[in-house]
Amino acid sequence: MKTTSINRVIEDFNSLVLEEKEFALEIIRKMFIEANRESILKRAQTAIRNYSKGKTKHGTLKDLYNDLEK
């Protein structure tokens, strides 16, 4: 993460009038939600691939605790 880029974004945001700030916040919020969805999708796809390849374990909660203690 580049601090200079973030500082520039903050400075540019501060120079906006109130209505523009509200609009920018709404766009950024929607972009953040979409980025979150993409991240969840990628993790789900990885989980499905791992499950298909037999790389996952299954069992009871007790089995999980036993694996974690090893």
PDB file of N, CA and C in Angstrom:
ATOM      1  N   MET A   1       0.840  -1.169   0.000  1.00  0.00           N
ATOM      2  CA  MET A   1       0.000   0.000   0.000  1.00  0.00           C
ATOM      3  C   MET A   1       0.887   1.234   0.000  1.00  0.00           C
ATOM      4  N   LYS A   2       0.594   2.141  -0.908  1.00  0.00           N
ATOM      5  CA  LYS A   2       1.378   3.363  -1.005  1.00  0.00           C
ATOM      6  C   LYS A   2       0.730   4.468  -0.180  1.00  0.00           C
ATOM      7  N   THR A   3       1.454   4.941   0.801  1.00  0.00           N
ATOM      8  CA  THR A   3       0.942   6.000   1.664  1.00  0.00           C
ATOM      9  C   THR A   3       0.719   7.278   0.876  1.00  0.00           C
ATOM     10  N   THR A   4       1.604   7.549  -0.087  1.00  0.00           N
ATOM     11  CA  THR A   4       1.457   8.775  -0.867  1.00  0.00           C
ATOM     12  C   THR A   4       0.169   8.760  -1.677  1.00  0.00           C
ATOM     13  N   SER A   5      -0.200   7.605  -2.212  1.00  0.00           N
ATOM     14  CA  SER A   5      -1.448   7.497  -2.973  1.00  0.00           C
ATOM     15  C   SER A   5      -2.651   7.737  -2.072  1.00  0.00           C
ATOM     16  N   ILE A   6      -2.631   7.159  -0.882  1.00  0.00           N
ATOM     17  CA  ILE A   6      -3.739   7.334   0.053  1.00  0.00           C
ATOM     18  C   ILE A   6      -3.829   8.795   0.486  1.00  0.00           C
ATOM     19  N   ASN A   7      -2.679   9.393   0.768  1.00  0.00           N
ATOM     20  CA  ASN A   7      -2.679  10.806   1.155  1.00  0.00           C
ATOM     21  C   ASN A   7      -3.264  11.684   0.051  1.00  0.00           C
ATOM     22  N   ARG A   8      -2.938  11.359  -1.186  1.00  0.00           N
ATOM     23  CA  ARG A   8      -3.467  12.145  -2.310  1.00  0.00           C
ATOM     24  C   ARG A   8      -4.982  11.980  -2.409  1.00  0.00           C
ATOM     25  N   VAL A   9      -5.467  10.763  -2.241  1.00  0.00           N
ATOM     26  CA  VAL A   9      -6.904  10.519  -2.278  1.00  0.00           C
ATOM     27  C   VAL A   9      -7.605  11.324  -1.182  1.00  0.00           C
ATOM     28  N   ILE A  10      -7.027  11.306   0.011  1.00  0.00           N
ATOM     29  CA  ILE A  10      -7.616  12.044   1.128  1.00  0.00           C
ATOM     30  C   ILE A  10      -7.614  13.542   0.852  1.00  0.00           C
ATOM     31  N   GLU A  11      -6.509  14.047   0.340  1.00  0.00           N
ATOM     32  CA  GLU A  11      -6.425  15.475   0.012  1.00  0.00           C
ATOM     33  C   GLU A  11      -7.447  15.847  -1.058  1.00  0.00           C
ATOM     34  N   ASP A  12      -7.544  15.005  -2.098  1.00  0.00           N
ATOM     35  CA  ASP A  12      -8.514  15.272  -3.162  1.00  0.00           C
ATOM     36  C   ASP A  12      -9.938  15.223  -2.622  1.00  0.00           C
ATOM     37  N   PHE A  13     -10.203  14.264  -1.750  1.00  0.00           N
ATOM     38  CA  PHE A  13     -11.538  14.140  -1.151  1.00  0.00           C
ATOM     39  C   PHE A  13     -11.870  15.389  -0.337  1.00  0.00           C
ATOM     40  N   ASN A  14     -10.910  15.872   0.431  1.00  0.00           N
ATOM     41  CA  ASN A  14     -11.137  17.057   1.256  1.00  0.00           C
ATOM     42  C   ASN A  14     -11.422  18.301   0.427  1.00  0.00           C
ATOM     43  N   SER A  15     -10.963  18.321  -0.803  1.00  0.00           N
ATOM     44  CA  SER A  15     -11.187  19.496  -1.654  1.00  0.00           C
ATOM     45  C   SER A  15     -12.575  19.499  -2.293  1.00  0.00           C
ATOM     46  N   LEU A  16     -13.313  18.414  -2.182  1.00  0.00           N
ATOM     47  CA  LEU A  16     -14.641  18.328  -2.780  1.00  0.00           C
ATOM     48  C   LEU A  16     -15.672  19.073  -1.934  1.00  0.00           C
ATOM     49  N   VAL A  17     -16.739  19.502  -2.610  1.00  0.00           N
ATOM     50  CA  VAL A  17     -17.867  20.078  -1.871  1.00  0.00           C
ATOM     51  C   VAL A  17     -18.660  18.927  -1.268  1.00  0.00           C
ATOM     52  N   LEU A  18     -19.542  19.230  -0.331  1.00  0.00           N
ATOM     53  CA  LEU A  18     -20.245  18.217   0.437  1.00  0.00           C
ATOM     54  C   LEU A  18     -20.993  17.215  -0.452  1.00  0.00           C
ATOM     55  N   GLU A  19     -21.700  17.701  -1.470  1.00  0.00           N
ATOM     56  CA  GLU A  19     -22.460  16.797  -2.338  1.00  0.00           C
ATOM     57  C   GLU A  19     -21.542  15.840  -3.093  1.00  0.00           C
ATOM     58  N   GLU A  20     -20.383  16.341  -3.521  1.00  0.00           N
ATOM     59  CA  GLU A  20     -19.418  15.490  -4.219  1.00  0.00           C
ATOM     60  C   GLU A  20     -18.821  14.454  -3.269  1.00  0.00           C
ATOM     61  N   LYS A  21     -18.599  14.862  -2.027  1.00  0.00           N
ATOM     62  CA  LYS A  21     -18.088  13.908  -1.031  1.00  0.00           C
ATOM     63  C   LYS A  21     -19.084  12.785  -0.811  1.00  0.00           C
ATOM     64  N   GLU A  22     -20.354  13.135  -0.707  1.00  0.00           N
ATOM     65  CA  GLU A  22     -21.394  12.117  -0.508  1.00  0.00           C
ATOM     66  C   GLU A  22     -21.439  11.159  -1.691  1.00  0.00           C
ATOM     67  N   PHE A  23     -21.358  11.695  -2.904  1.00  0.00           N
ATOM     68  CA  PHE A  23     -21.366  10.877  -4.116  1.00  0.00           C
ATOM     69  C   PHE A  23     -20.138   9.964  -4.157  1.00  0.00           C
ATOM     70  N   ALA A  24     -18.970  10.529  -3.822  1.00  0.00           N
ATOM     71  CA  ALA A  24     -17.735   9.739  -3.831  1.00  0.00           C
ATOM     72  C   ALA A  24     -17.811   8.618  -2.797  1.00  0.00           C
ATOM     73  N   LEU A  25     -18.344   8.918  -1.625  1.00  0.00           N
ATOM     74  CA  LEU A  25     -18.475   7.882  -0.591  1.00  0.00           C
ATOM     75  C   LEU A  25     -19.372   6.745  -1.053  1.00  0.00           C
ATOM     76  N   GLU A  26     -20.463   7.077  -1.724  1.00  0.00           N
ATOM     77  CA  GLU A  26     -21.381   6.045  -2.207  1.00  0.00           C
ATOM     78  C   GLU A  26     -20.696   5.157  -3.248  1.00  0.00           C
ATOM     79  N   ILE A  27     -19.946   5.762  -4.140  1.00  0.00           N
ATOM     80  CA  ILE A  27     -19.223   4.985  -5.160  1.00  0.00           C
ATOM     81  C   ILE A  27     -18.179   4.093  -4.507  1.00  0.00           C
ATOM     82  N   ILE A  28     -17.415   4.641  -3.576  1.00  0.00           N
ATOM     83  CA  ILE A  28     -16.378   3.860  -2.897  1.00  0.00           C
ATOM     84  C   ILE A  28     -17.002   2.721  -2.105  1.00  0.00           C
ATOM     85  N   ARG A  29     -18.119   2.985  -1.448  1.00  0.00           N
ATOM     86  CA  ARG A  29     -18.806   1.929  -0.689  1.00  0.00           C
ATOM     87  C   ARG A  29     -19.215   0.790  -1.612  1.00  0.00           C
ATOM     88  N   LYS A  30     -19.780   1.131  -2.761  1.00  0.00           N
ATOM     89  CA  LYS A  30     -20.195   0.102  -3.721  1.00  0.00           C
ATOM     90  C   LYS A  30     -18.998  -0.648  -4.281  1.00  0.00           C
ATOM     91  N   MET A  31     -17.918   0.054  -4.531  1.00  0.00           N
ATOM     92  CA  MET A  31     -16.706  -0.602  -5.028  1.00  0.00           C
ATOM     93  C   MET A  31     -16.140  -1.551  -3.976  1.00  0.00           C
ATOM     94  N   PHE A  32     -16.192  -1.148  -2.716  1.00  0.00           N
ATOM     95  CA  PHE A  32     -15.708  -1.998  -1.627  1.00  0.00           C
ATOM     96  C   PHE A  32     -16.550  -3.256  -1.514  1.00  0.00           C
ATOM     97  N   ILE A  33     -17.870  -3.109  -1.617  1.00  0.00           N
ATOM     98  CA  ILE A  33     -18.767  -4.265  -1.565  1.00  0.00           C
ATOM     99  C   ILE A  33     -18.454  -5.225  -2.707  1.00  0.00           C
ATOM    100  N   GLU A  34     -18.258  -4.691  -3.897  1.00  0.00           N
ATOM    101  CA  GLU A  34     -17.948  -5.538  -5.053  1.00  0.00           C
ATOM    102  C   GLU A  34     -16.607  -6.245  -4.872  1.00  0.00           C
ATOM    103  N   ALA A  35     -15.612  -5.541  -4.345  1.00  0.00           N
ATOM    104  CA  ALA A  35     -14.302  -6.159  -4.097  1.00  0.00           C
ATOM    105  C   ALA A  35     -14.442  -7.288  -3.081  1.00  0.00           C
ATOM    106  N   ASN A  36     -15.270  -7.079  -2.072  1.00  0.00           N
ATOM    107  CA  ASN A  36     -15.527  -8.120  -1.084  1.00  0.00           C
ATOM    108  C   ASN A  36     -16.166  -9.340  -1.734  1.00  0.00           C
ATOM    109  N   ARG A  37     -17.142  -9.105  -2.606  1.00  0.00           N
ATOM    110  CA  ARG A  37     -17.800 -10.212  -3.318  1.00  0.00           C
ATOM    111  C   ARG A  37     -16.798 -10.995  -4.141  1.00  0.00           C
ATOM    112  N   GLU A  38     -15.913 -10.283  -4.831  1.00  0.00           N
ATOM    113  CA  GLU A  38     -14.894 -10.949  -5.649  1.00  0.00           C
ATOM    114  C   GLU A  38     -13.978 -11.801  -4.778  1.00  0.00           C
ATOM    115  N   SER A  39     -13.610 -11.282  -3.632  1.00  0.00           N
ATOM    116  CA  SER A  39     -12.749 -12.029  -2.713  1.00  0.00           C
ATOM    117  C   SER A  39     -13.441 -13.296  -2.222  1.00  0.00           C
ATOM    118  N   ILE A  40     -14.703 -13.173  -1.858  1.00  0.00           N
ATOM    119  CA  ILE A  40     -15.477 -14.334  -1.401  1.00  0.00           C
ATOM    120  C   ILE A  40     -15.599 -15.359  -2.522  1.00  0.00           C
ATOM    121  N   LEU A  41     -15.850 -14.886  -3.742  1.00  0.00           N
ATOM    122  CA  LEU A  41     -15.966 -15.790  -4.883  1.00  0.00           C
ATOM    123  C   LEU A  41     -14.671 -16.570  -5.098  1.00  0.00           C
ATOM    124  N   LYS A  42     -13.544 -15.882  -5.050  1.00  0.00           N
ATOM    125  CA  LYS A  42     -12.256 -16.556  -5.251  1.00  0.00           C
ATOM    126  C   LYS A  42     -12.006 -17.603  -4.170  1.00  0.00           C
ATOM    127  N   ARG A  43     -12.325 -17.252  -2.911  1.00  0.00           N
ATOM    128  CA  ARG A  43     -12.141 -18.220  -1.828  1.00  0.00           C
ATOM    129  C   ARG A  43     -13.060 -19.417  -2.000  1.00  0.00           C
ATOM    130  N   ALA A  44     -14.286 -19.180  -2.441  1.00  0.00           N
ATOM    131  CA  ALA A  44     -15.233 -20.278  -2.660  1.00  0.00           C
ATOM    132  C   ALA A  44     -14.760 -21.169  -3.792  1.00  0.00           C
ATOM    133  N   GLN A  45     -14.263 -20.561  -4.861  1.00  0.00           N
ATOM    134  CA  GLN A  45     -13.761 -21.362  -5.989  1.00  0.00           C
ATOM    135  C   GLN A  45     -12.573 -22.213  -5.560  1.00  0.00           C
ATOM    136  N   THR A  46     -11.695 -21.659  -4.755  1.00  0.00           N
ATOM    137  CA  THR A  46     -10.562 -22.424  -4.241  1.00  0.00           C
ATOM    138  C   THR A  46     -11.050 -23.572  -3.366  1.00  0.00           C
ATOM    139  N   ALA A  47     -12.024 -23.306  -2.518  1.00  0.00           N
ATOM    140  CA  ALA A  47     -12.570 -24.354  -1.648  1.00  0.00           C
ATOM    141  C   ALA A  47     -13.205 -25.468  -2.463  1.00  0.00           C
ATOM    142  N   ILE A  48     -13.929 -25.111  -3.505  1.00  0.00           N
ATOM    143  CA  ILE A  48     -14.563 -26.117  -4.361  1.00  0.00           C
ATOM    144  C   ILE A  48     -13.504 -26.958  -5.061  1.00  0.00           C
ATOM    145  N   ARG A  49     -12.456 -26.313  -5.572  1.00  0.00           N
ATOM    146  CA  ARG A  49     -11.362 -27.063  -6.223  1.00  0.00           C
ATOM    147  C   ARG A  49     -10.699 -28.013  -5.233  1.00  0.00           C
ATOM    148  N   ASN A  50     -10.424 -27.514  -4.041  1.00  0.00           N
ATOM    149  CA  ASN A  50      -9.795 -28.365  -3.029  1.00  0.00           C
ATOM    150  C   ASN A  50     -10.691 -29.533  -2.650  1.00  0.00           C
ATOM    151  N   TYR A  51     -11.969 -29.281  -2.535  1.00  0.00           N
ATOM    152  CA  TYR A  51     -12.917 -30.357  -2.215  1.00  0.00           C
ATOM    153  C   TYR A  51     -12.949 -31.382  -3.340  1.00  0.00           C
ATOM    154  N   SER A  52     -12.974 -30.906  -4.587  1.00  0.00           N
ATOM    155  CA  SER A  52     -13.003 -31.812  -5.744  1.00  0.00           C
ATOM    156  C   SER A  52     -11.759 -32.688  -5.818  1.00  0.00           C
ATOM    157  N   LYS A  53     -10.638 -32.148  -5.400  1.00  0.00           N
ATOM    158  CA  LYS A  53      -9.366 -32.882  -5.436  1.00  0.00           C
ATOM    159  C   LYS A  53      -9.154 -33.732  -4.189  1.00  0.00           C
ATOM    160  N   GLY A  54     -10.099 -33.703  -3.284  1.00  0.00           N
ATOM    161  CA  GLY A  54      -9.973 -34.500  -2.064  1.00  0.00           C
ATOM    162  C   GLY A  54      -8.991 -33.928  -1.056  1.00  0.00           C
ATOM    163  N   LYS A  55      -8.746 -32.644  -1.125  1.00  0.00           N
ATOM    164  CA  LYS A  55      -7.782 -32.015  -0.227  1.00  0.00           C
ATOM    165  C   LYS A  55      -8.417 -31.507   1.061  1.00  0.00           C
ATOM    166  N   THR A  56      -9.681 -31.775   1.245  1.00  0.00           N
ATOM    167  CA  THR A  56     -10.361 -31.312   2.450  1.00  0.00           C
ATOM    168  C   THR A  56     -10.618 -32.488   3.381  1.00  0.00           C
ATOM    169  N   LYS A  57     -10.809 -32.152   4.635  1.00  0.00           N
ATOM    170  CA  LYS A  57     -11.126 -33.176   5.617  1.00  0.00           C
ATOM    171  C   LYS A  57     -12.579 -33.019   6.026  1.00  0.00           C
ATOM    172  N   HIS A  58     -13.131 -34.098   6.513  1.00  0.00           N
ATOM    173  CA  HIS A  58     -14.480 -34.020   7.054  1.00  0.00           C
ATOM    174  C   HIS A  58     -14.535 -34.856   8.319  1.00  0.00           C
ATOM    175  N   GLY A  59     -15.475 -34.542   9.158  1.00  0.00           N
ATOM    176  CA  GLY A  59     -15.612 -35.253  10.419  1.00  0.00           C
ATOM    177  C   GLY A  59     -16.419 -34.433  11.399  1.00  0.00           C
ATOM    178  N   THR A  60     -16.341 -34.845  12.624  1.00  0.00           N
ATOM    179  CA  THR A  60     -17.084 -34.165  13.673  1.00  0.00           C
ATOM    180  C   THR A  60     -16.270 -32.992  14.215  1.00  0.00           C
ATOM    181  N   LEU A  61     -16.896 -32.212  15.051  1.00  0.00           N
ATOM    182  CA  LEU A  61     -16.201 -31.113  15.703  1.00  0.00           C
ATOM    183  C   LEU A  61     -15.067 -31.652  16.566  1.00  0.00           C
ATOM    184  N   LYS A  62     -15.300 -32.770  17.188  1.00  0.00           N
ATOM    185  CA  LYS A  62     -14.258 -33.399  18.004  1.00  0.00           C
ATOM    186  C   LYS A  62     -13.056 -33.767  17.134  1.00  0.00           C
ATOM    187  N   ASP A  63     -13.323 -34.295  15.921  1.00  0.00           N
ATOM    188  CA  ASP A  63     -12.235 -34.620  14.992  1.00  0.00           C
ATOM    189  C   ASP A  63     -11.427 -33.370  14.645  1.00  0.00           C
ATOM    190  N   LEU A  64     -12.128 -32.265  14.440  1.00  0.00           N
ATOM    191  CA  LEU A  64     -11.456 -31.008  14.119  1.00  0.00           C
ATOM    192  C   LEU A  64     -10.559 -30.578  15.267  1.00  0.00           C
ATOM    193  N   TYR A  65     -11.061 -30.601  16.479  1.00  0.00           N
ATOM    194  CA  TYR A  65     -10.258 -30.234  17.642  1.00  0.00           C
ATOM    195  C   TYR A  65      -9.037 -31.141  17.762  1.00  0.00           C
ATOM    196  N   ASN A  66      -9.217 -32.424  17.535  1.00  0.00           N
ATOM    197  CA  ASN A  66      -8.078 -33.353  17.617  1.00  0.00           C
ATOM    198  C   ASN A  66      -7.021 -33.017  16.571  1.00  0.00           C
ATOM    199  N   ASP A  67      -7.464 -32.671  15.356  1.00  0.00           N
ATOM    200  CA  ASP A  67      -6.501 -32.285  14.305  1.00  0.00           C
ATOM    201  C   ASP A  67      -5.755 -31.005  14.673  1.00  0.00           C
ATOM    202  N   LEU A  68      -6.463 -30.067  15.286  1.00  0.00           N
ATOM    203  CA  LEU A  68      -5.836 -28.818  15.652  1.00  0.00           C
ATOM    204  C   LEU A  68      -4.818 -28.979  16.762  1.00  0.00           C
ATOM    205  N   GLU A  69      -5.007 -29.951  17.613  1.00  0.00           N
ATOM    206  CA  GLU A  69      -4.092 -30.177  18.724  1.00  0.00           C
ATOM    207  C   GLU A  69      -2.809 -30.877  18.285  1.00  0.00           C
ATOM    208  N   LYS A  70      -2.792 -31.475  17.125  1.00  0.00           N
ATOM    209  CA  LYS A  70      -1.608 -32.190  16.642  1.00  0.00           C
ATOM    210  C   LYS A  70      -0.518 -31.258  16.203  1.00  0.00           C
TER     211      LYS A  70
END
